[in-house]
N, C-alpha and C. Protein backbone atom coordinates (compact mmCIF):
# COMPACT_ATOMS: atom_id res chain seq x y z
N MET A 1 -17.86 -10.34 -2.30
CA MET A 1 -17.09 -10.99 -3.34
C MET A 1 -15.69 -11.27 -2.82
N LYS A 2 -15.24 -12.49 -2.98
CA LYS A 2 -13.90 -12.87 -2.54
C LYS A 2 -12.92 -12.66 -3.69
N TYR A 3 -11.76 -12.18 -3.34
CA TYR A 3 -10.71 -11.94 -4.31
C TYR A 3 -9.59 -12.93 -4.06
N ILE A 4 -8.95 -13.41 -5.11
CA ILE A 4 -7.84 -14.34 -4.96
C ILE A 4 -6.57 -13.56 -4.70
N LYS A 5 -6.01 -13.77 -3.54
CA LYS A 5 -4.76 -13.10 -3.16
C LYS A 5 -3.62 -14.01 -3.61
N ASP A 6 -3.14 -13.79 -4.83
CA ASP A 6 -2.14 -14.69 -5.41
C ASP A 6 -0.81 -14.01 -5.72
N LYS A 7 -0.60 -12.82 -5.21
CA LYS A 7 0.67 -12.11 -5.40
C LYS A 7 1.17 -11.68 -4.03
N LYS A 8 2.42 -11.23 -3.98
CA LYS A 8 2.98 -10.82 -2.69
C LYS A 8 3.55 -9.42 -2.76
N ILE A 9 3.42 -8.70 -1.63
CA ILE A 9 3.97 -7.35 -1.51
C ILE A 9 4.75 -7.26 -0.21
N THR A 10 5.51 -6.17 -0.09
CA THR A 10 6.17 -5.83 1.16
C THR A 10 5.76 -4.41 1.51
N ILE A 11 5.36 -4.19 2.75
CA ILE A 11 5.01 -2.86 3.23
C ILE A 11 6.28 -2.22 3.79
N MET A 12 6.62 -1.05 3.26
CA MET A 12 7.84 -0.35 3.67
C MET A 12 7.49 0.85 4.55
N THR A 13 8.33 1.08 5.55
CA THR A 13 8.15 2.21 6.45
C THR A 13 9.48 2.93 6.60
N MET A 14 9.43 4.17 7.04
CA MET A 14 10.66 4.94 7.24
C MET A 14 11.15 4.75 8.66
N ALA A 15 12.47 4.61 8.79
CA ALA A 15 13.09 4.45 10.11
C ALA A 15 14.35 5.28 10.16
N ALA A 16 14.75 5.67 11.36
CA ALA A 16 15.98 6.45 11.52
C ALA A 16 17.16 5.66 11.00
N ASN A 17 18.04 6.34 10.28
CA ASN A 17 19.23 5.71 9.72
C ASN A 17 20.16 5.31 10.87
N SER A 18 20.61 4.07 10.88
CA SER A 18 21.49 3.60 11.96
C SER A 18 22.96 3.85 11.64
N GLY A 19 23.26 4.32 10.45
CA GLY A 19 24.64 4.58 10.05
C GLY A 19 25.12 5.94 10.51
N PRO A 20 26.31 6.33 10.07
CA PRO A 20 26.88 7.61 10.49
C PRO A 20 26.18 8.83 9.89
N GLU A 21 25.46 8.63 8.79
CA GLU A 21 24.78 9.76 8.15
C GLU A 21 23.39 9.94 8.75
N PRO A 22 23.01 11.18 9.03
CA PRO A 22 21.67 11.42 9.58
C PRO A 22 20.60 11.22 8.51
N GLY A 23 19.39 11.04 8.96
CA GLY A 23 18.28 10.89 8.03
C GLY A 23 17.50 9.62 8.28
N GLU A 24 16.65 9.29 7.31
CA GLU A 24 15.81 8.11 7.42
C GLU A 24 16.03 7.20 6.23
N THR A 25 15.80 5.92 6.45
CA THR A 25 15.87 4.94 5.37
C THR A 25 14.58 4.15 5.35
N SER A 26 14.28 3.60 4.20
CA SER A 26 13.09 2.79 4.04
C SER A 26 13.42 1.35 4.40
N GLN A 27 12.58 0.73 5.21
CA GLN A 27 12.79 -0.67 5.58
C GLN A 27 11.45 -1.36 5.72
N PRO A 28 11.42 -2.70 5.60
CA PRO A 28 10.14 -3.41 5.73
C PRO A 28 9.52 -3.22 7.11
N LEU A 29 8.22 -3.07 7.13
CA LEU A 29 7.46 -3.02 8.37
C LEU A 29 7.59 -4.37 9.07
N LYS A 30 7.58 -4.38 10.39
CA LYS A 30 7.65 -5.64 11.12
C LYS A 30 6.49 -6.52 10.67
N ASN A 31 6.79 -7.75 10.29
CA ASN A 31 5.81 -8.70 9.74
C ASN A 31 5.15 -8.16 8.47
N GLY A 32 5.88 -7.31 7.74
CA GLY A 32 5.33 -6.71 6.53
C GLY A 32 5.91 -7.25 5.24
N LYS A 33 6.71 -8.33 5.32
CA LYS A 33 7.29 -8.92 4.11
C LYS A 33 6.41 -10.05 3.60
N ASN A 34 6.37 -10.17 2.29
CA ASN A 34 5.66 -11.28 1.63
C ASN A 34 4.21 -11.43 2.08
N ILE A 35 3.48 -10.34 2.02
CA ILE A 35 2.05 -10.35 2.36
C ILE A 35 1.27 -10.74 1.11
N TRP A 36 0.38 -11.72 1.24
CA TRP A 36 -0.45 -12.13 0.12
C TRP A 36 -1.41 -11.00 -0.22
N VAL A 37 -1.58 -10.76 -1.53
CA VAL A 37 -2.37 -9.61 -1.97
C VAL A 37 -3.13 -9.93 -3.25
N TYR A 38 -4.31 -9.31 -3.38
CA TYR A 38 -5.02 -9.24 -4.65
C TYR A 38 -4.64 -7.89 -5.23
N TYR A 39 -4.19 -7.87 -6.49
CA TYR A 39 -3.70 -6.65 -7.13
C TYR A 39 -4.48 -6.40 -8.40
N ARG A 40 -4.79 -5.13 -8.65
CA ARG A 40 -5.38 -4.74 -9.93
C ARG A 40 -5.12 -3.27 -10.19
N GLN A 41 -5.21 -2.91 -11.46
CA GLN A 41 -5.13 -1.50 -11.84
C GLN A 41 -6.44 -0.84 -11.40
N ALA A 42 -6.36 0.40 -11.01
CA ALA A 42 -7.57 1.14 -10.66
C ALA A 42 -8.43 1.32 -11.91
N SER A 43 -9.73 1.24 -11.74
CA SER A 43 -10.64 1.42 -12.87
C SER A 43 -10.70 2.90 -13.25
N ALA A 44 -11.17 3.16 -14.45
CA ALA A 44 -11.31 4.55 -14.91
C ALA A 44 -12.26 5.31 -13.99
N ASN A 45 -13.29 4.63 -13.51
CA ASN A 45 -14.24 5.25 -12.59
C ASN A 45 -13.56 5.64 -11.28
N GLU A 46 -12.73 4.75 -10.73
CA GLU A 46 -12.01 5.07 -9.49
C GLU A 46 -11.03 6.22 -9.69
N ILE A 47 -10.32 6.19 -10.82
CA ILE A 47 -9.34 7.25 -11.09
C ILE A 47 -10.04 8.60 -11.18
N SER A 48 -11.15 8.66 -11.92
CA SER A 48 -11.85 9.95 -12.04
C SER A 48 -12.50 10.36 -10.73
N MET A 49 -13.01 9.40 -9.96
CA MET A 49 -13.65 9.72 -8.68
C MET A 49 -12.63 10.31 -7.71
N TYR A 50 -11.44 9.70 -7.62
CA TYR A 50 -10.45 10.18 -6.67
C TYR A 50 -9.67 11.39 -7.18
N SER A 51 -9.68 11.63 -8.48
CA SER A 51 -8.96 12.80 -9.00
C SER A 51 -9.66 14.10 -8.61
N THR A 52 -10.93 14.03 -8.26
CA THR A 52 -11.64 15.23 -7.82
C THR A 52 -11.32 15.56 -6.37
N THR A 53 -10.68 14.64 -5.67
CA THR A 53 -10.24 14.88 -4.30
C THR A 53 -8.72 15.00 -4.31
N VAL A 54 -8.10 14.85 -3.17
CA VAL A 54 -6.65 15.00 -3.10
C VAL A 54 -5.92 13.68 -3.31
N TYR A 55 -6.63 12.60 -3.65
CA TYR A 55 -6.00 11.29 -3.80
C TYR A 55 -5.53 11.05 -5.22
N LYS A 56 -4.36 10.46 -5.34
CA LYS A 56 -3.86 10.00 -6.63
C LYS A 56 -3.89 8.48 -6.58
N VAL A 57 -4.61 7.86 -7.50
CA VAL A 57 -4.80 6.41 -7.45
C VAL A 57 -4.47 5.81 -8.81
N GLU A 58 -3.60 4.79 -8.82
CA GLU A 58 -3.29 4.03 -10.03
C GLU A 58 -3.57 2.55 -9.86
N VAL A 59 -3.33 2.04 -8.65
CA VAL A 59 -3.51 0.61 -8.39
C VAL A 59 -4.25 0.39 -7.08
N VAL A 60 -4.79 -0.82 -6.95
CA VAL A 60 -5.51 -1.22 -5.74
C VAL A 60 -4.92 -2.54 -5.25
N PHE A 61 -4.59 -2.58 -3.97
CA PHE A 61 -4.11 -3.80 -3.33
C PHE A 61 -5.12 -4.19 -2.26
N LYS A 62 -5.52 -5.47 -2.21
CA LYS A 62 -6.38 -5.96 -1.13
C LYS A 62 -5.59 -6.99 -0.35
N ILE A 63 -5.46 -6.76 0.96
CA ILE A 63 -4.72 -7.68 1.82
C ILE A 63 -5.61 -8.08 3.00
N ALA A 64 -5.16 -9.08 3.75
CA ALA A 64 -5.87 -9.44 4.98
C ALA A 64 -5.80 -8.25 5.93
N TRP A 65 -6.85 -8.05 6.70
CA TRP A 65 -6.94 -6.89 7.57
C TRP A 65 -5.80 -6.86 8.58
N ARG A 66 -5.26 -5.67 8.79
CA ARG A 66 -4.28 -5.42 9.85
C ARG A 66 -4.37 -3.96 10.23
N ASN A 67 -3.92 -3.63 11.44
CA ASN A 67 -4.11 -2.26 11.94
C ASN A 67 -2.82 -1.45 12.02
N ASP A 68 -1.75 -1.92 11.40
CA ASP A 68 -0.47 -1.22 11.53
C ASP A 68 0.00 -0.55 10.25
N ILE A 69 -0.90 -0.29 9.32
CA ILE A 69 -0.54 0.34 8.05
C ILE A 69 -1.19 1.72 7.98
N ASP A 70 -0.41 2.71 7.49
CA ASP A 70 -0.96 4.05 7.33
C ASP A 70 -0.46 4.66 6.02
N THR A 71 -0.91 5.85 5.72
CA THR A 71 -0.60 6.48 4.43
C THR A 71 0.81 7.06 4.34
N THR A 72 1.60 6.97 5.39
CA THR A 72 3.00 7.41 5.30
C THR A 72 3.88 6.29 4.77
N MET A 73 3.34 5.09 4.64
CA MET A 73 4.11 3.93 4.22
C MET A 73 4.04 3.74 2.71
N LYS A 74 4.85 2.82 2.22
CA LYS A 74 4.87 2.51 0.79
C LYS A 74 4.72 1.00 0.61
N VAL A 75 4.31 0.61 -0.60
CA VAL A 75 4.17 -0.79 -0.96
C VAL A 75 5.25 -1.12 -1.98
N LEU A 76 5.97 -2.20 -1.77
CA LEU A 76 6.96 -2.68 -2.72
C LEU A 76 6.35 -3.88 -3.44
N PHE A 77 6.16 -3.76 -4.76
CA PHE A 77 5.52 -4.81 -5.55
C PHE A 77 6.26 -4.96 -6.86
N ARG A 78 6.76 -6.16 -7.13
CA ARG A 78 7.50 -6.46 -8.36
C ARG A 78 8.63 -5.48 -8.60
N GLY A 79 9.34 -5.12 -7.53
CA GLY A 79 10.50 -4.24 -7.64
C GLY A 79 10.17 -2.76 -7.79
N LYS A 80 8.89 -2.41 -7.78
CA LYS A 80 8.47 -1.01 -7.90
C LYS A 80 7.88 -0.55 -6.58
N GLU A 81 8.04 0.75 -6.31
CA GLU A 81 7.53 1.32 -5.07
C GLU A 81 6.25 2.11 -5.34
N TYR A 82 5.25 1.90 -4.50
CA TYR A 82 3.96 2.58 -4.63
C TYR A 82 3.68 3.35 -3.34
N ALA A 83 3.32 4.61 -3.47
CA ALA A 83 2.96 5.43 -2.31
C ALA A 83 1.48 5.18 -1.99
N ILE A 84 1.19 4.97 -0.72
CA ILE A 84 -0.19 4.73 -0.28
C ILE A 84 -0.90 6.08 -0.14
N THR A 85 -2.06 6.21 -0.81
CA THR A 85 -2.81 7.45 -0.73
C THR A 85 -4.07 7.32 0.12
N ARG A 86 -4.60 6.11 0.20
CA ARG A 86 -5.86 5.91 0.93
C ARG A 86 -5.96 4.47 1.38
N ILE A 87 -6.57 4.26 2.54
CA ILE A 87 -6.78 2.91 3.06
C ILE A 87 -8.25 2.78 3.43
N ASP A 88 -8.89 1.72 2.95
CA ASP A 88 -10.31 1.47 3.22
C ASP A 88 -10.42 0.16 4.00
N ASP A 89 -11.02 0.22 5.19
CA ASP A 89 -11.12 -0.98 6.02
C ASP A 89 -12.52 -1.60 5.99
N PHE A 90 -13.30 -1.33 4.96
CA PHE A 90 -14.63 -1.91 4.79
C PHE A 90 -15.50 -1.74 6.03
N GLU A 91 -15.63 -0.51 6.48
CA GLU A 91 -16.50 -0.16 7.59
C GLU A 91 -16.16 -0.90 8.87
N GLY A 92 -14.90 -1.24 9.05
CA GLY A 92 -14.44 -1.84 10.29
C GLY A 92 -14.75 -3.31 10.48
N TYR A 93 -15.08 -4.03 9.41
CA TYR A 93 -15.40 -5.45 9.56
C TYR A 93 -14.18 -6.33 9.80
N LYS A 94 -12.99 -5.80 9.60
CA LYS A 94 -11.73 -6.48 9.89
C LYS A 94 -11.56 -7.79 9.12
N GLU A 95 -11.95 -7.79 7.85
CA GLU A 95 -11.70 -8.94 6.99
C GLU A 95 -10.59 -8.62 6.00
N ASP A 96 -10.82 -7.61 5.19
CA ASP A 96 -9.84 -7.18 4.20
C ASP A 96 -9.53 -5.71 4.39
N LEU A 97 -8.39 -5.31 3.86
CA LEU A 97 -7.97 -3.92 3.87
C LEU A 97 -7.66 -3.57 2.42
N THR A 98 -8.24 -2.51 1.90
CA THR A 98 -7.97 -2.08 0.54
C THR A 98 -7.03 -0.89 0.59
N ILE A 99 -5.93 -1.01 -0.15
CA ILE A 99 -4.92 0.04 -0.19
C ILE A 99 -4.93 0.65 -1.59
N TYR A 100 -5.15 1.94 -1.68
CA TYR A 100 -5.10 2.66 -2.94
C TYR A 100 -3.73 3.34 -3.02
N ALA A 101 -3.06 3.20 -4.16
CA ALA A 101 -1.69 3.70 -4.25
C ALA A 101 -1.35 4.12 -5.68
N TYR A 102 -0.21 4.78 -5.80
CA TYR A 102 0.32 5.15 -7.12
C TYR A 102 1.81 4.88 -7.15
N LYS A 103 2.32 4.62 -8.36
CA LYS A 103 3.73 4.29 -8.53
C LYS A 103 4.59 5.53 -8.37
N THR A 104 5.64 5.41 -7.55
CA THR A 104 6.59 6.51 -7.39
C THR A 104 7.69 6.35 -8.43
N GLY A 105 8.64 7.24 -8.42
CA GLY A 105 9.72 7.19 -9.40
C GLY A 105 10.76 6.12 -9.13
N ARG A 106 10.59 5.34 -8.07
CA ARG A 106 11.61 4.34 -7.71
C ARG A 106 11.24 2.97 -8.17
């Protein structure tokens, strides 16, 4: 089933702070701005299925396949930040990547 990717997200990653203060800051992943995405709320079935494991899931993002995204990154969508909890690459077919995430306090 094909999904219409009609919204855009930015993938955020942590990088060393370049200023005088130590620490890390969140910045867009290289080539991670304005990625076309299919977005939906997680279904009740998905929420209950993943709640029995260590995953917290509220939303699902489907993007074109890429190999530079991991669960330490965040998704910026409509001004809200979502923590990535799980990534599904459809058994390695390299067509789409499904990102399961939940909204953070930011």
